[in-house]
Protein backbone atom coordinates (compact mmCIF):
# COMPACT_ATOMS: atom_id res chain seq x y z
CA UNK A 1 0.00 0.00 0.00
CA UNK A 2 1.34 3.41 -1.02
CA UNK A 3 1.27 6.40 1.33
CA UNK A 4 -1.18 8.18 -1.00
CA UNK A 5 -3.63 5.33 -0.37
CA UNK A 6 -3.39 5.98 3.37
CA UNK A 7 -3.11 9.78 3.73
CA UNK A 8 -5.33 12.33 1.99
CA UNK A 9 -2.34 14.09 0.45
CA UNK A 10 -4.49 16.61 -1.42
CA UNK A 11 -5.82 18.03 1.84
CA UNK A 12 -2.63 17.35 3.81
CA UNK A 13 0.41 17.89 1.54
CA UNK A 14 2.94 16.75 4.12
CA UNK A 15 5.91 17.29 1.79
CA UNK A 16 5.08 20.96 1.23
CA UNK A 17 7.30 23.36 3.20
CA UNK A 18 4.59 25.97 3.65
CA UNK A 19 2.09 23.42 4.93
CA UNK A 20 4.65 22.03 7.36
CA UNK A 21 5.46 25.49 8.68
CA UNK A 22 1.78 26.30 9.24
CA UNK A 23 1.25 23.02 11.11
CA UNK A 24 4.28 23.66 13.31
CA UNK A 25 3.17 27.20 14.08
CA UNK A 26 -0.27 26.07 15.23
CA UNK A 27 1.19 23.28 17.33
CA UNK A 28 3.73 25.63 18.91
CA UNK A 29 1.00 28.16 19.68
CA UNK A 30 -1.52 25.78 21.25
CA UNK A 31 0.24 22.54 22.22
CA UNK A 32 -2.50 20.64 20.37
CA UNK A 33 -2.90 20.08 16.64
CA UNK A 34 -5.84 18.20 15.10
CA UNK A 35 -5.91 16.89 11.52
CA UNK A 36 -9.42 15.60 10.86
CA UNK A 37 -9.66 13.13 7.97
CA UNK A 38 -5.89 12.73 7.73
CA UNK A 39 -6.11 8.98 7.05
CA UNK A 40 -8.44 7.76 4.34
CA UNK A 41 -11.63 5.85 5.16
CA UNK A 42 -10.56 2.57 3.50
CA UNK A 43 -7.24 2.51 5.36
CA UNK A 44 -8.88 3.27 8.72
CA UNK A 45 -11.47 0.58 8.21
CA UNK A 46 -8.76 -1.95 7.38
CA UNK A 47 -6.87 -1.09 10.59
CA UNK A 48 -10.11 -1.30 12.58
CA UNK A 49 -10.84 -4.75 11.16
CA UNK A 50 -7.29 -5.92 12.00
CA UNK A 51 -7.72 -4.73 15.56
CA UNK A 52 -11.13 -6.33 16.04
CA UNK A 53 -9.83 -9.61 14.59
CA UNK A 54 -7.16 -9.64 17.31
CA UNK A 55 -9.36 -8.40 20.13
CA UNK A 56 -8.97 -11.73 21.95
CA UNK A 57 -5.28 -10.80 22.38
CA UNK A 58 -6.02 -7.47 24.09
CA UNK A 59 -4.32 -7.02 27.46
CA UNK A 60 -6.87 -5.51 29.84
CA UNK A 61 -5.77 -3.38 32.76
CA UNK A 62 -7.55 -1.27 35.36
CA UNK A 63 -5.60 0.72 37.92
CA UNK A 64 -5.64 3.81 40.07
CA UNK A 65 -2.87 6.39 39.79
CA UNK A 66 -2.18 10.04 40.52
CA UNK A 67 -2.16 12.58 37.71
CA UNK A 68 1.65 12.72 37.76
CA UNK A 69 1.98 8.96 37.13
CA UNK A 70 4.32 8.64 40.11
CA UNK A 71 4.35 6.83 43.42
CA UNK A 72 2.58 8.52 46.35
CA UNK A 73 4.58 11.14 48.25
CA UNK A 74 4.19 10.82 52.01
CA UNK A 75 5.09 14.50 52.41
CA UNK A 76 1.57 15.28 51.20
CA UNK A 77 -1.86 14.20 52.48
CA UNK A 78 -3.77 11.51 50.61
CA UNK A 79 -6.31 14.10 49.43
CA UNK A 80 -3.64 16.53 48.20
CA UNK A 81 -3.42 17.02 44.43
CA UNK A 82 -0.02 15.29 44.48
CA UNK A 83 -1.59 12.04 45.74
CA UNK A 84 -5.24 12.10 44.66
CA UNK A 85 -6.15 8.99 42.70
CA UNK A 86 -7.98 8.62 39.41
CA UNK A 87 -8.87 5.47 37.49
CA UNK A 88 -7.67 4.22 34.11
CA UNK A 89 -9.15 1.11 32.51
CA UNK A 90 -8.49 0.02 28.95
CA UNK A 91 -7.18 -2.71 26.70
CA UNK A 92 -4.10 -2.72 24.48
CA UNK A 93 -2.77 -4.59 21.45
CA UNK A 94 0.99 -4.27 21.11
CA UNK A 95 3.24 -3.63 18.12
CA UNK A 96 4.26 -7.25 17.67
CA UNK A 97 0.62 -8.22 17.05
CA UNK A 98 0.12 -5.66 14.28
CA UNK A 99 0.32 -7.27 10.80
CA UNK A 100 3.45 -6.39 8.83
CA UNK A 101 1.20 -5.39 5.93
CA UNK A 102 -0.96 -3.08 8.05
CA UNK A 103 -1.59 0.43 6.76
CA UNK A 104 -0.80 1.60 10.28
CA UNK A 105 2.71 0.11 10.07
CA UNK A 106 3.21 1.55 6.58
CA UNK A 107 2.24 4.99 7.90
CA UNK A 108 4.45 4.70 11.00
CA UNK A 109 7.53 3.72 8.97
CA UNK A 110 7.04 6.02 5.96
CA UNK A 111 10.03 8.41 5.62
CA UNK A 112 7.78 11.22 4.36
CA UNK A 113 5.48 10.91 7.37
CA UNK A 114 8.37 10.73 9.82
CA UNK A 115 9.99 13.76 8.20
CA UNK A 116 6.70 15.66 8.53
CA UNK A 117 6.48 14.72 12.21
CA UNK A 118 10.04 15.93 12.81
CA UNK A 119 9.21 19.28 11.26
CA UNK A 120 6.01 19.80 13.25
CA UNK A 121 7.52 18.55 16.52
CA UNK A 122 10.82 20.37 16.12
CA UNK A 123 12.85 17.16 16.36
CA UNK A 124 15.93 16.36 14.27
CA UNK A 125 15.15 12.63 14.12
CA UNK A 126 12.51 10.18 15.29
CA UNK A 127 13.15 6.51 16.01
CA UNK A 128 11.01 3.51 16.85
CA UNK A 129 11.28 1.85 20.24
CA UNK A 130 13.96 -0.83 20.55
CA UNK A 131 11.62 -3.22 22.36
CA UNK A 132 9.09 -5.21 20.28
CA UNK A 133 5.93 -3.95 22.00
CA UNK A 134 5.88 -0.19 22.30
CA UNK A 135 6.14 1.56 18.93
CA UNK A 136 2.58 1.02 17.68
CA UNK A 137 -0.25 0.32 20.12
CA UNK A 138 -4.00 -0.01 19.64
CA UNK A 139 -5.97 1.07 22.70
CA UNK A 140 -9.48 -0.29 23.24
CA UNK A 141 -12.02 1.31 25.58
CA UNK A 142 -15.28 -0.59 25.95
CA UNK A 143 -18.37 0.78 27.67
CA UNK A 144 -17.46 2.16 31.10
CA UNK A 145 -13.73 2.26 30.44
CA UNK A 146 -11.73 5.49 30.63
CA UNK A 147 -8.29 7.06 30.82
CA UNK A 148 -7.96 9.12 34.00
CA UNK A 149 -6.56 12.64 34.22
CA UNK A 150 -2.77 12.68 33.88
CA UNK A 151 0.33 14.40 32.52
CA UNK A 152 2.53 12.54 30.04
CA UNK A 153 6.14 11.68 30.81
CA UNK A 154 7.09 12.20 27.16
CA UNK A 155 7.27 15.62 25.51
CA UNK A 156 4.79 14.76 22.74
CA UNK A 157 2.16 12.20 21.78
CA UNK A 158 0.76 11.29 18.36
CA UNK A 159 -2.56 9.47 18.16
CA UNK A 160 -4.89 8.35 15.39
CA UNK A 161 -8.57 7.65 15.98
CA UNK A 162 -9.50 4.29 14.47
CA UNK A 163 -13.08 3.90 15.73
CA UNK A 164 -14.91 6.68 17.54
CA UNK A 165 -17.39 5.90 20.32
CA UNK A 166 -21.05 6.79 19.85
CA UNK A 167 -21.40 8.36 23.31
CA UNK A 168 -18.80 9.54 25.80
CA UNK A 169 -15.13 8.77 25.31
CA UNK A 170 -14.37 12.46 24.73
CA UNK A 171 -10.76 13.64 24.88
CA UNK A 172 -10.52 16.47 27.42
CA UNK A 173 -7.53 18.66 28.26
CA UNK A 174 -6.39 21.83 29.98
CA UNK A 175 -3.24 23.49 28.65
CA UNK A 176 -0.26 24.70 30.68
CA UNK A 177 -1.34 23.40 34.07
CA UNK A 178 2.22 22.69 35.22
CA UNK A 179 5.74 23.65 34.18
CA UNK A 180 7.76 20.45 34.27
CA UNK A 181 11.07 22.16 33.51
CA UNK A 182 10.84 24.52 36.49
CA UNK A 183 9.27 22.02 38.86
CA UNK A 184 5.99 23.95 39.20
CA UNK A 185 3.41 21.18 39.57
CA UNK A 186 0.20 23.25 39.44
CA UNK A 187 -1.38 21.67 42.52
CA UNK A 188 -4.20 24.23 42.89
CA UNK A 189 -5.18 23.91 39.25
CA UNK A 190 -5.10 20.12 39.44
CA UNK A 191 -7.45 20.17 42.43
CA UNK A 192 -9.86 22.44 40.60
CA UNK A 193 -9.83 20.21 37.51
CA UNK A 194 -10.37 17.01 39.49
CA UNK A 195 -13.23 18.73 41.36
CA UNK A 196 -14.89 19.69 38.07
CA UNK A 197 -14.50 23.42 38.72
CA UNK A 198 -12.35 24.26 35.70
CA UNK A 199 -13.65 24.48 32.11
CA UNK A 200 -11.89 22.00 29.85
CA UNK A 201 -11.15 21.87 26.15
CA UNK A 202 -12.58 18.88 24.27
CA UNK A 203 -11.84 16.96 21.08
CA UNK A 204 -14.45 14.60 19.66
CA UNK A 205 -12.21 13.00 17.05
CA UNK A 206 -13.77 10.93 14.30
CA UNK A 207 -12.10 7.96 12.62
CA UNK A 208 -9.07 9.07 10.60
CA UNK A 209 -8.22 12.07 12.80
CA UNK A 210 -4.55 12.53 13.70
CA UNK A 211 -3.84 14.46 16.91
CA UNK A 212 -0.57 15.94 18.17
CA UNK A 213 -0.39 16.75 21.88
CA UNK A 214 2.25 18.20 24.17
CA UNK A 215 1.00 16.40 27.26
CA UNK A 216 3.90 16.90 29.65
CA UNK A 217 2.46 20.20 30.93
CA UNK A 218 -1.13 19.89 29.72
CA UNK A 219 -3.32 17.63 31.84
CA UNK A 220 -5.68 15.41 29.84
CA UNK A 221 -8.00 12.43 30.02
CA UNK A 222 -10.41 10.30 28.00
CA UNK A 223 -13.85 10.42 29.62
CA UNK A 224 -15.69 7.10 30.18
CA UNK A 225 -17.10 5.44 27.08
CA UNK A 226 -20.86 5.53 27.57
CA UNK A 227 -21.88 3.61 24.45
CA UNK A 228 -21.76 0.09 23.06
CA UNK A 229 -19.20 0.86 20.31
CA UNK A 230 -15.60 0.28 21.40
CA UNK A 231 -13.36 3.32 21.19
CA UNK A 232 -10.20 2.28 19.30
CA UNK A 233 -7.19 4.61 19.22
CA UNK A 234 -3.76 4.05 17.69
CA UNK A 235 -0.78 5.49 19.55
CA UNK A 236 2.27 6.09 17.35
CA UNK A 237 5.26 6.28 19.69
CA UNK A 238 8.67 7.57 18.67
CA UNK A 239 11.88 8.61 20.42
CA UNK A 240 14.31 11.39 19.59
CA UNK A 241 17.22 8.97 20.20
CA UNK A 242 17.73 5.44 18.80
CA UNK A 243 17.90 2.28 20.88
CA UNK A 244 15.45 3.29 23.62
CA UNK A 245 13.20 0.69 25.23
CA UNK A 246 10.14 1.31 27.35
CA UNK A 247 11.09 0.32 30.88
CA UNK A 248 10.37 -3.22 32.00
CA UNK A 249 8.12 -1.91 34.77
CA UNK A 250 6.09 0.12 32.27
CA UNK A 251 5.83 -2.81 29.85
CA UNK A 252 4.51 -5.08 32.61
CA UNK A 253 2.01 -2.41 33.66
CA UNK A 254 0.74 -1.57 30.19
CA UNK A 255 1.16 -4.88 28.36
CA UNK A 256 1.44 -7.61 31.00
CA UNK A 257 4.65 -8.94 29.40
CA UNK A 258 8.15 -7.89 28.37
CA UNK A 259 8.32 -9.28 24.84
């Protein structure tokens, strides 16, 4: 499958310097960039069918965590923003279970796509994970499942909606809640968000929508899926340096195995 059969290159000319510059400017200004209809309908449906055919291999996990994705800090009370718990429950299919012929793998590996990502993200290079599980993941959220409020450990995330839910499952975020570089953790803002007192931005992405997010300082979540259609999201994970593996602890948490 050629890249033109996967990406709508007429609407999204990813090789064009002016288009790249405009995308980077919007991402730099907002920390979020949404490209609705980026991947063509036929390609998305093929990826969806691949995922559903392997749904029996999904690793299900449900856990509580704080929004910083760290261990509790005894210097703070249990009800302090630093230690308050939220719930994440979802399923995951790992990279090694994605067919070699998948349009998703073709997209992930395409030099033109990776070059476009580098330009928008401001990275010199992007590399796949060295471990066999982490580069391409399909996340499944059935009715009642959610991704709790959190900050990312990585500086950017790239996701592609494969199958949108019919009710609920909305992506919600609040920009610039903390400043990771300076150590400002935004405790008061986190409390207000967890208490439902702060307005949030939302994205109701349809199948084929590519989303860039700088989630290290912007808190975000996926609200509970309230419908009978499974929400399926592809996460395309890259590193700025080669040879990096997701930690063994993280692989056991997210995938239930190391390889």
